[in-house]
C-alpha atoms as a PDB file:
ATOM      1  CA  MET A   1      18.668 -12.424  11.094  1.00  0.00           C
ATOM      2  CA  SER A   2      19.113  -9.260   8.997  1.00  0.00           C
ATOM      3  CA  GLY A   3      16.708  -6.321   9.141  1.00  0.00           C
ATOM      4  CA  ARG A   4      15.456  -7.186   5.655  1.00  0.00           C
ATOM      5  CA  ALA A   5      15.040 -10.918   6.404  1.00  0.00           C
ATOM      6  CA  LEU A   6      12.198 -10.536   8.922  1.00  0.00           C
ATOM      7  CA  PRO A   7       9.868  -8.634   6.527  1.00  0.00           C
ATOM      8  CA  ILE A   8      10.683 -11.158   3.792  1.00  0.00           C
ATOM      9  CA  LEU A   9       9.869 -14.015   6.136  1.00  0.00           C
ATOM     10  CA  SER A  10       6.563 -12.419   7.172  1.00  0.00           C
ATOM     11  CA  VAL A  11       5.421 -12.055   3.541  1.00  0.00           C
ATOM     12  CA  LEU A  12       6.432 -15.600   2.654  1.00  0.00           C
ATOM     13  CA  VAL A  13       4.662 -17.022   5.717  1.00  0.00           C
ATOM     14  CA  ALA A  14       1.549 -15.019   4.878  1.00  0.00           C
ATOM     15  CA  LEU A  15       1.582 -16.355   1.337  1.00  0.00           C
ATOM     16  CA  ALA A  16       1.992 -19.946   2.531  1.00  0.00           C
ATOM     17  CA  ALA A  17      -0.896 -19.678   5.001  1.00  0.00           C
ATOM     18  CA  PRO A  18      -4.469 -20.381   3.903  1.00  0.00           C
ATOM     19  CA  VAL A  19      -6.032 -17.350   2.247  1.00  0.00           C
ATOM     20  CA  ARG A  20      -8.694 -15.662   4.376  1.00  0.00           C
ATOM     21  CA  GLY A  21     -12.161 -16.019   2.949  1.00  0.00           C
ATOM     22  CA  LEU A  22     -11.107 -18.766   0.564  1.00  0.00           C
ATOM     23  CA  SER A  23     -13.902 -21.291   0.193  1.00  0.00           C
ATOM     24  CA  ALA A  24     -12.814 -23.108  -2.951  1.00  0.00           C
ATOM     25  CA  GLN A  25      -9.574 -23.586  -4.826  1.00  0.00           C
ATOM     26  CA  GLY A  26     -11.096 -22.108  -7.977  1.00  0.00           C
ATOM     27  CA  SER A  27     -12.074 -18.810  -6.362  1.00  0.00           C
ATOM     28  CA  ALA A  28     -11.079 -15.315  -7.420  1.00  0.00           C
ATOM     29  CA  VAL A  29      -9.231 -14.964  -4.099  1.00  0.00           C
ATOM     30  CA  ALA A  30      -7.202 -18.121  -4.807  1.00  0.00           C
ATOM     31  CA  GLN A  31      -6.254 -16.772  -8.239  1.00  0.00           C
ATOM     32  CA  VAL A  32      -4.965 -13.452  -6.853  1.00  0.00           C
ATOM     33  CA  ALA A  33      -3.132 -15.295  -4.063  1.00  0.00           C
ATOM     34  CA  GLN A  34      -1.444 -17.463  -6.708  1.00  0.00           C
ATOM     35  CA  LEU A  35      -0.322 -14.338  -8.583  1.00  0.00           C
ATOM     36  CA  TYR A  36       1.386 -13.023  -5.464  1.00  0.00           C
ATOM     37  CA  ARG A  37       2.871 -16.428  -4.632  1.00  0.00           C
ATOM     38  CA  ALA A  38       4.435 -16.534  -8.092  1.00  0.00           C
ATOM     39  CA  PHE A  39       5.759 -12.955  -8.085  1.00  0.00           C
ATOM     40  CA  ALA A  40       6.310 -11.965  -4.430  1.00  0.00           C
ATOM     41  CA  TRP A  41      10.033 -12.301  -5.020  1.00  0.00           C
ATOM     42  CA  GLU A  42       9.850  -9.014  -6.983  1.00  0.00           C
ATOM     43  CA  ALA A  43       9.131  -7.100  -3.782  1.00  0.00           C
ATOM     44  CA  VAL A  44      10.644  -9.098  -0.945  1.00  0.00           C
ATOM     45  CA  ILE A  45      13.938 -10.635  -2.048  1.00  0.00           C
ATOM     46  CA  ASP A  46      16.827  -8.178  -1.967  1.00  0.00           C
ATOM     47  CA  GLU A  47      19.310  -9.806  -4.341  1.00  0.00           C
ATOM     48  CA  PRO A  48      20.059  -9.797  -8.051  1.00  0.00           C
ATOM     49  CA  ASP A  49      17.133 -10.981 -10.158  1.00  0.00           C
ATOM     50  CA  SER A  50      17.797 -14.699 -10.376  1.00  0.00           C
ATOM     51  CA  ARG A  51      14.222 -15.956 -10.757  1.00  0.00           C
ATOM     52  CA  GLY A  52      13.575 -14.666 -14.254  1.00  0.00           C
ATOM     53  CA  HIS A  53      11.502 -11.880 -15.665  1.00  0.00           C
ATOM     54  CA  ARG A  54       9.202  -9.746 -13.564  1.00  0.00           C
ATOM     55  CA  LEU A  55       5.462 -10.139 -14.127  1.00  0.00           C
ATOM     56  CA  MET A  56       5.084  -7.300 -16.638  1.00  0.00           C
ATOM     57  CA  GLU A  57       7.966  -8.754 -18.697  1.00  0.00           C
ATOM     58  CA  GLN A  58       6.409 -12.222 -18.977  1.00  0.00           C
ATOM     59  CA  PRO A  59       5.247 -13.712 -22.281  1.00  0.00           C
ATOM     60  CA  ARG A  60       1.565 -13.652 -23.239  1.00  0.00           C
ATOM     61  CA  ALA A  61       0.996 -17.209 -21.967  1.00  0.00           C
ATOM     62  CA  VAL A  62       2.099 -16.289 -18.434  1.00  0.00           C
ATOM     63  CA  LEU A  63       0.181 -12.995 -18.381  1.00  0.00           C
ATOM     64  CA  ALA A  64      -2.933 -14.880 -19.547  1.00  0.00           C
ATOM     65  CA  GLN A  65      -2.722 -17.077 -16.442  1.00  0.00           C
ATOM     66  CA  TYR A  66      -3.547 -14.015 -14.313  1.00  0.00           C
ATOM     67  CA  PHE A  67      -5.217 -11.379 -16.530  1.00  0.00           C
ATOM     68  CA  ASP A  68      -8.209 -11.606 -18.854  1.00  0.00           C
ATOM     69  CA  ASP A  69      -7.629 -11.443 -22.614  1.00  0.00           C
ATOM     70  CA  SER A  70      -8.373  -7.727 -22.955  1.00  0.00           C
ATOM     71  CA  LEU A  71      -6.085  -6.686 -20.079  1.00  0.00           C
ATOM     72  CA  THR A  72      -3.332  -9.007 -21.330  1.00  0.00           C
ATOM     73  CA  GLU A  73      -3.608  -7.335 -24.725  1.00  0.00           C
ATOM     74  CA  LEU A  74      -3.347  -3.845 -23.200  1.00  0.00           C
ATOM     75  CA  ILE A  75      -0.239  -4.851 -21.216  1.00  0.00           C
ATOM     76  CA  LEU A  76       1.404  -6.312 -24.326  1.00  0.00           C
ATOM     77  CA  ARG A  77       0.496  -3.226 -26.382  1.00  0.00           C
ATOM     78  CA  ASP A  78       2.147  -0.989 -23.793  1.00  0.00           C
ATOM     79  CA  ARG A  79       5.238  -3.206 -23.750  1.00  0.00           C
ATOM     80  CA  ALA A  80       5.474  -3.062 -27.560  1.00  0.00           C
ATOM     81  CA  CYS A  81       5.222   0.748 -27.390  1.00  0.00           C
ATOM     82  CA  ALA A  82       8.051   0.911 -24.847  1.00  0.00           C
ATOM     83  CA  GLU A  83      10.225  -1.400 -26.956  1.00  0.00           C
ATOM     84  CA  ARG A  84       9.492   0.598 -30.119  1.00  0.00           C
ATOM     85  CA  THR A  85      10.058   4.061 -28.635  1.00  0.00           C
ATOM     86  CA  HIS A  86      12.657   3.145 -25.973  1.00  0.00           C
ATOM     87  CA  GLU A  87      10.616   5.267 -23.568  1.00  0.00           C
ATOM     88  CA  ILE A  88       7.966   4.746 -20.913  1.00  0.00           C
ATOM     89  CA  CYS A  89       4.595   4.661 -22.608  1.00  0.00           C
ATOM     90  CA  ARG A  90       1.579   4.338 -20.317  1.00  0.00           C
ATOM     91  CA  LEU A  91       2.819   2.061 -17.576  1.00  0.00           C
ATOM     92  CA  ASP A  92       5.454   3.687 -15.361  1.00  0.00           C
ATOM     93  CA  PHE A  93       5.021   1.466 -12.279  1.00  0.00           C
ATOM     94  CA  ASP A  94       4.606  -2.179 -11.328  1.00  0.00           C
ATOM     95  CA  PRO A  95       0.829  -2.690 -11.228  1.00  0.00           C
ATOM     96  CA  ILE A  96       0.650  -5.430  -8.593  1.00  0.00           C
ATOM     97  CA  TRP A  97       2.823  -3.394  -6.206  1.00  0.00           C
ATOM     98  CA  ASP A  98       1.503   0.107  -7.089  1.00  0.00           C
ATOM     99  CA  SER A  99       5.093   1.285  -7.121  1.00  0.00           C
ATOM    100  CA  GLN A 100       8.106   1.904  -9.324  1.00  0.00           C
ATOM    101  CA  ASP A 101      10.241   0.293  -6.629  1.00  0.00           C
ATOM    102  CA  PRO A 102       8.298  -2.749  -5.326  1.00  0.00           C
ATOM    103  CA  GLY A 103       8.475  -3.619  -1.663  1.00  0.00           C
ATOM    104  CA  ALA A 104       6.020  -5.316   0.682  1.00  0.00           C
ATOM    105  CA  THR A 105       5.512  -6.647   4.184  1.00  0.00           C
ATOM    106  CA  GLU A 106       2.356  -7.925   5.864  1.00  0.00           C
ATOM    107  CA  LEU A 107       0.796  -8.871   2.518  1.00  0.00           C
ATOM    108  CA  LYS A 108      -2.850  -9.988   2.739  1.00  0.00           C
ATOM    109  CA  VAL A 109      -5.149 -11.283   0.008  1.00  0.00           C
ATOM    110  CA  LEU A 110      -8.742 -10.984   1.219  1.00  0.00           C
ATOM    111  CA  ALA A 111     -12.222 -11.840   0.046  1.00  0.00           C
ATOM    112  CA  THR A 112     -14.778  -9.035  -0.065  1.00  0.00           C
ATOM    113  CA  GLY A 113     -18.589  -9.056  -0.041  1.00  0.00           C
ATOM    114  CA  ASP A 114     -18.456  -9.364  -3.829  1.00  0.00           C
ATOM    115  CA  SER A 115     -16.994 -12.667  -5.071  1.00  0.00           C
ATOM    116  CA  SER A 116     -15.561 -10.900  -8.128  1.00  0.00           C
ATOM    117  CA  VAL A 117     -13.611  -8.326  -6.080  1.00  0.00           C
ATOM    118  CA  VAL A 118     -10.436  -9.259  -4.193  1.00  0.00           C
ATOM    119  CA  ALA A 119      -8.690  -6.899  -1.787  1.00  0.00           C
ATOM    120  CA  VAL A 120      -4.908  -6.897  -1.408  1.00  0.00           C
ATOM    121  CA  THR A 121      -3.151  -4.941   1.307  1.00  0.00           C
ATOM    122  CA  PHE A 122       0.482  -4.672   2.329  1.00  0.00           C
ATOM    123  CA  ARG A 123       2.894  -2.245   3.937  1.00  0.00           C
ATOM    124  CA  PHE A 124       5.573  -0.487   1.943  1.00  0.00           C
ATOM    125  CA  PRO A 125       8.729  -1.243   3.969  1.00  0.00           C
ATOM    126  CA  SER A 126      10.591   2.045   3.637  1.00  0.00           C
ATOM    127  CA  THR A 127       7.672   4.256   4.714  1.00  0.00           C
ATOM    128  CA  GLY A 128       5.323   1.907   6.573  1.00  0.00           C
ATOM    129  CA  GLU A 129       2.499   3.165   4.353  1.00  0.00           C
ATOM    130  CA  THR A 130      -0.369   0.708   3.904  1.00  0.00           C
ATOM    131  CA  ILE A 131      -1.084   0.037   0.239  1.00  0.00           C
ATOM    132  CA  ALA A 132      -4.555  -1.198  -0.736  1.00  0.00           C
ATOM    133  CA  LEU A 133      -5.418  -2.612  -4.144  1.00  0.00           C
ATOM    134  CA  SER A 134      -8.754  -3.883  -5.393  1.00  0.00           C
ATOM    135  CA  TYR A 135      -8.776  -6.557  -8.080  1.00  0.00           C
ATOM    136  CA  ARG A 136     -11.873  -6.735 -10.302  1.00  0.00           C
ATOM    137  CA  MET A 137     -11.990 -10.367 -11.387  1.00  0.00           C
ATOM    138  CA  VAL A 138     -13.965 -12.049 -14.181  1.00  0.00           C
ATOM    139  CA  ARG A 139     -14.709 -15.707 -14.662  1.00  0.00           C
ATOM    140  CA  THR A 140     -13.330 -16.935 -17.996  1.00  0.00           C
ATOM    141  CA  ARG A 141     -13.311 -20.379 -19.603  1.00  0.00           C
ATOM    142  CA  ASN A 142      -9.876 -20.820 -17.988  1.00  0.00           C
ATOM    143  CA  GLY A 143     -10.955 -19.711 -14.513  1.00  0.00           C
ATOM    144  CA  TRP A 144     -10.847 -16.389 -12.692  1.00  0.00           C
ATOM    145  CA  ARG A 145      -8.705 -13.648 -14.249  1.00  0.00           C
ATOM    146  CA  ALA A 146      -8.047 -10.022 -13.321  1.00  0.00           C
ATOM    147  CA  HIS A 147     -10.008  -7.604 -15.468  1.00  0.00           C
ATOM    148  CA  ASP A 148      -8.672  -4.520 -13.684  1.00  0.00           C
ATOM    149  CA  ILE A 149      -6.817  -3.321 -10.596  1.00  0.00           C
ATOM    150  CA  ALA A 150      -7.986  -0.218  -8.711  1.00  0.00           C
ATOM    151  CA  TYR A 151      -5.556   1.928  -6.726  1.00  0.00           C
ATOM    152  CA  HIS A 152      -6.001   4.233  -3.705  1.00  0.00           C
ATOM    153  CA  ASP A 153      -5.984   7.364  -5.872  1.00  0.00           C
ATOM    154  CA  GLY A 154      -9.007   6.200  -7.889  1.00  0.00           C
ATOM    155  CA  ASN A 155      -6.912   5.308 -10.918  1.00  0.00           C
ATOM    156  CA  THR A 156      -7.083   1.814 -12.393  1.00  0.00           C
ATOM    157  CA  LEU A 157      -4.663  -0.280 -14.392  1.00  0.00           C
ATOM    158  CA  ARG A 158      -7.064  -0.403 -17.332  1.00  0.00           C
ATOM    159  CA  SER A 159      -7.540   3.393 -17.373  1.00  0.00           C
ATOM    160  CA  GLN A 160      -3.766   3.867 -17.168  1.00  0.00           C
ATOM    161  CA  LEU A 161      -3.209   1.527 -20.118  1.00  0.00           C
ATOM    162  CA  ASN A 162      -5.980   3.208 -22.129  1.00  0.00           C
ATOM    163  CA  SER A 163      -4.796   6.767 -21.416  1.00  0.00           C
ATOM    164  CA  ARG A 164      -3.789   9.045 -24.260  1.00  0.00           C
ATOM    165  CA  ARG A 165      -0.698  10.447 -22.565  1.00  0.00           C
ATOM    166  CA  ALA A 166       1.774   8.283 -24.508  1.00  0.00           C
ATOM    167  CA  PRO A 167       2.532   7.540 -28.165  1.00  0.00           C
END
């Protein structure tokens, strides 16, 4: 087994296992776990992109399966800016991996004391650094959706997308 295969296997096994703290299929935790099940390949499979577009490149309908309407709109607005200017606008990293170069091992999706907050932790393979994200979820007519993602530095996805640093 290659050196890269074991970390990949550990993430895939973790994603297949029952999510800790999950009491109902329609929970916020289940929704975040589904997001990572659908897009873990971005960070753990070391081969040419054969599965399709990465999460941030998905059409509105796919983004709306995971993000609330306002966050979906901000993501699409940033994408339109990047396409129009051919430059990075506000988003210069992959939000669900908190990195420009996604990688993950030991991925965990965990419930917190607040049913609308979901914790995600994983290790960045090249450095061993533990990455911790906090998803702020909202209940919509279509189920739980991410309203924001908070990062270790205090920044959030929503604040990044609303910043004035880009055209």
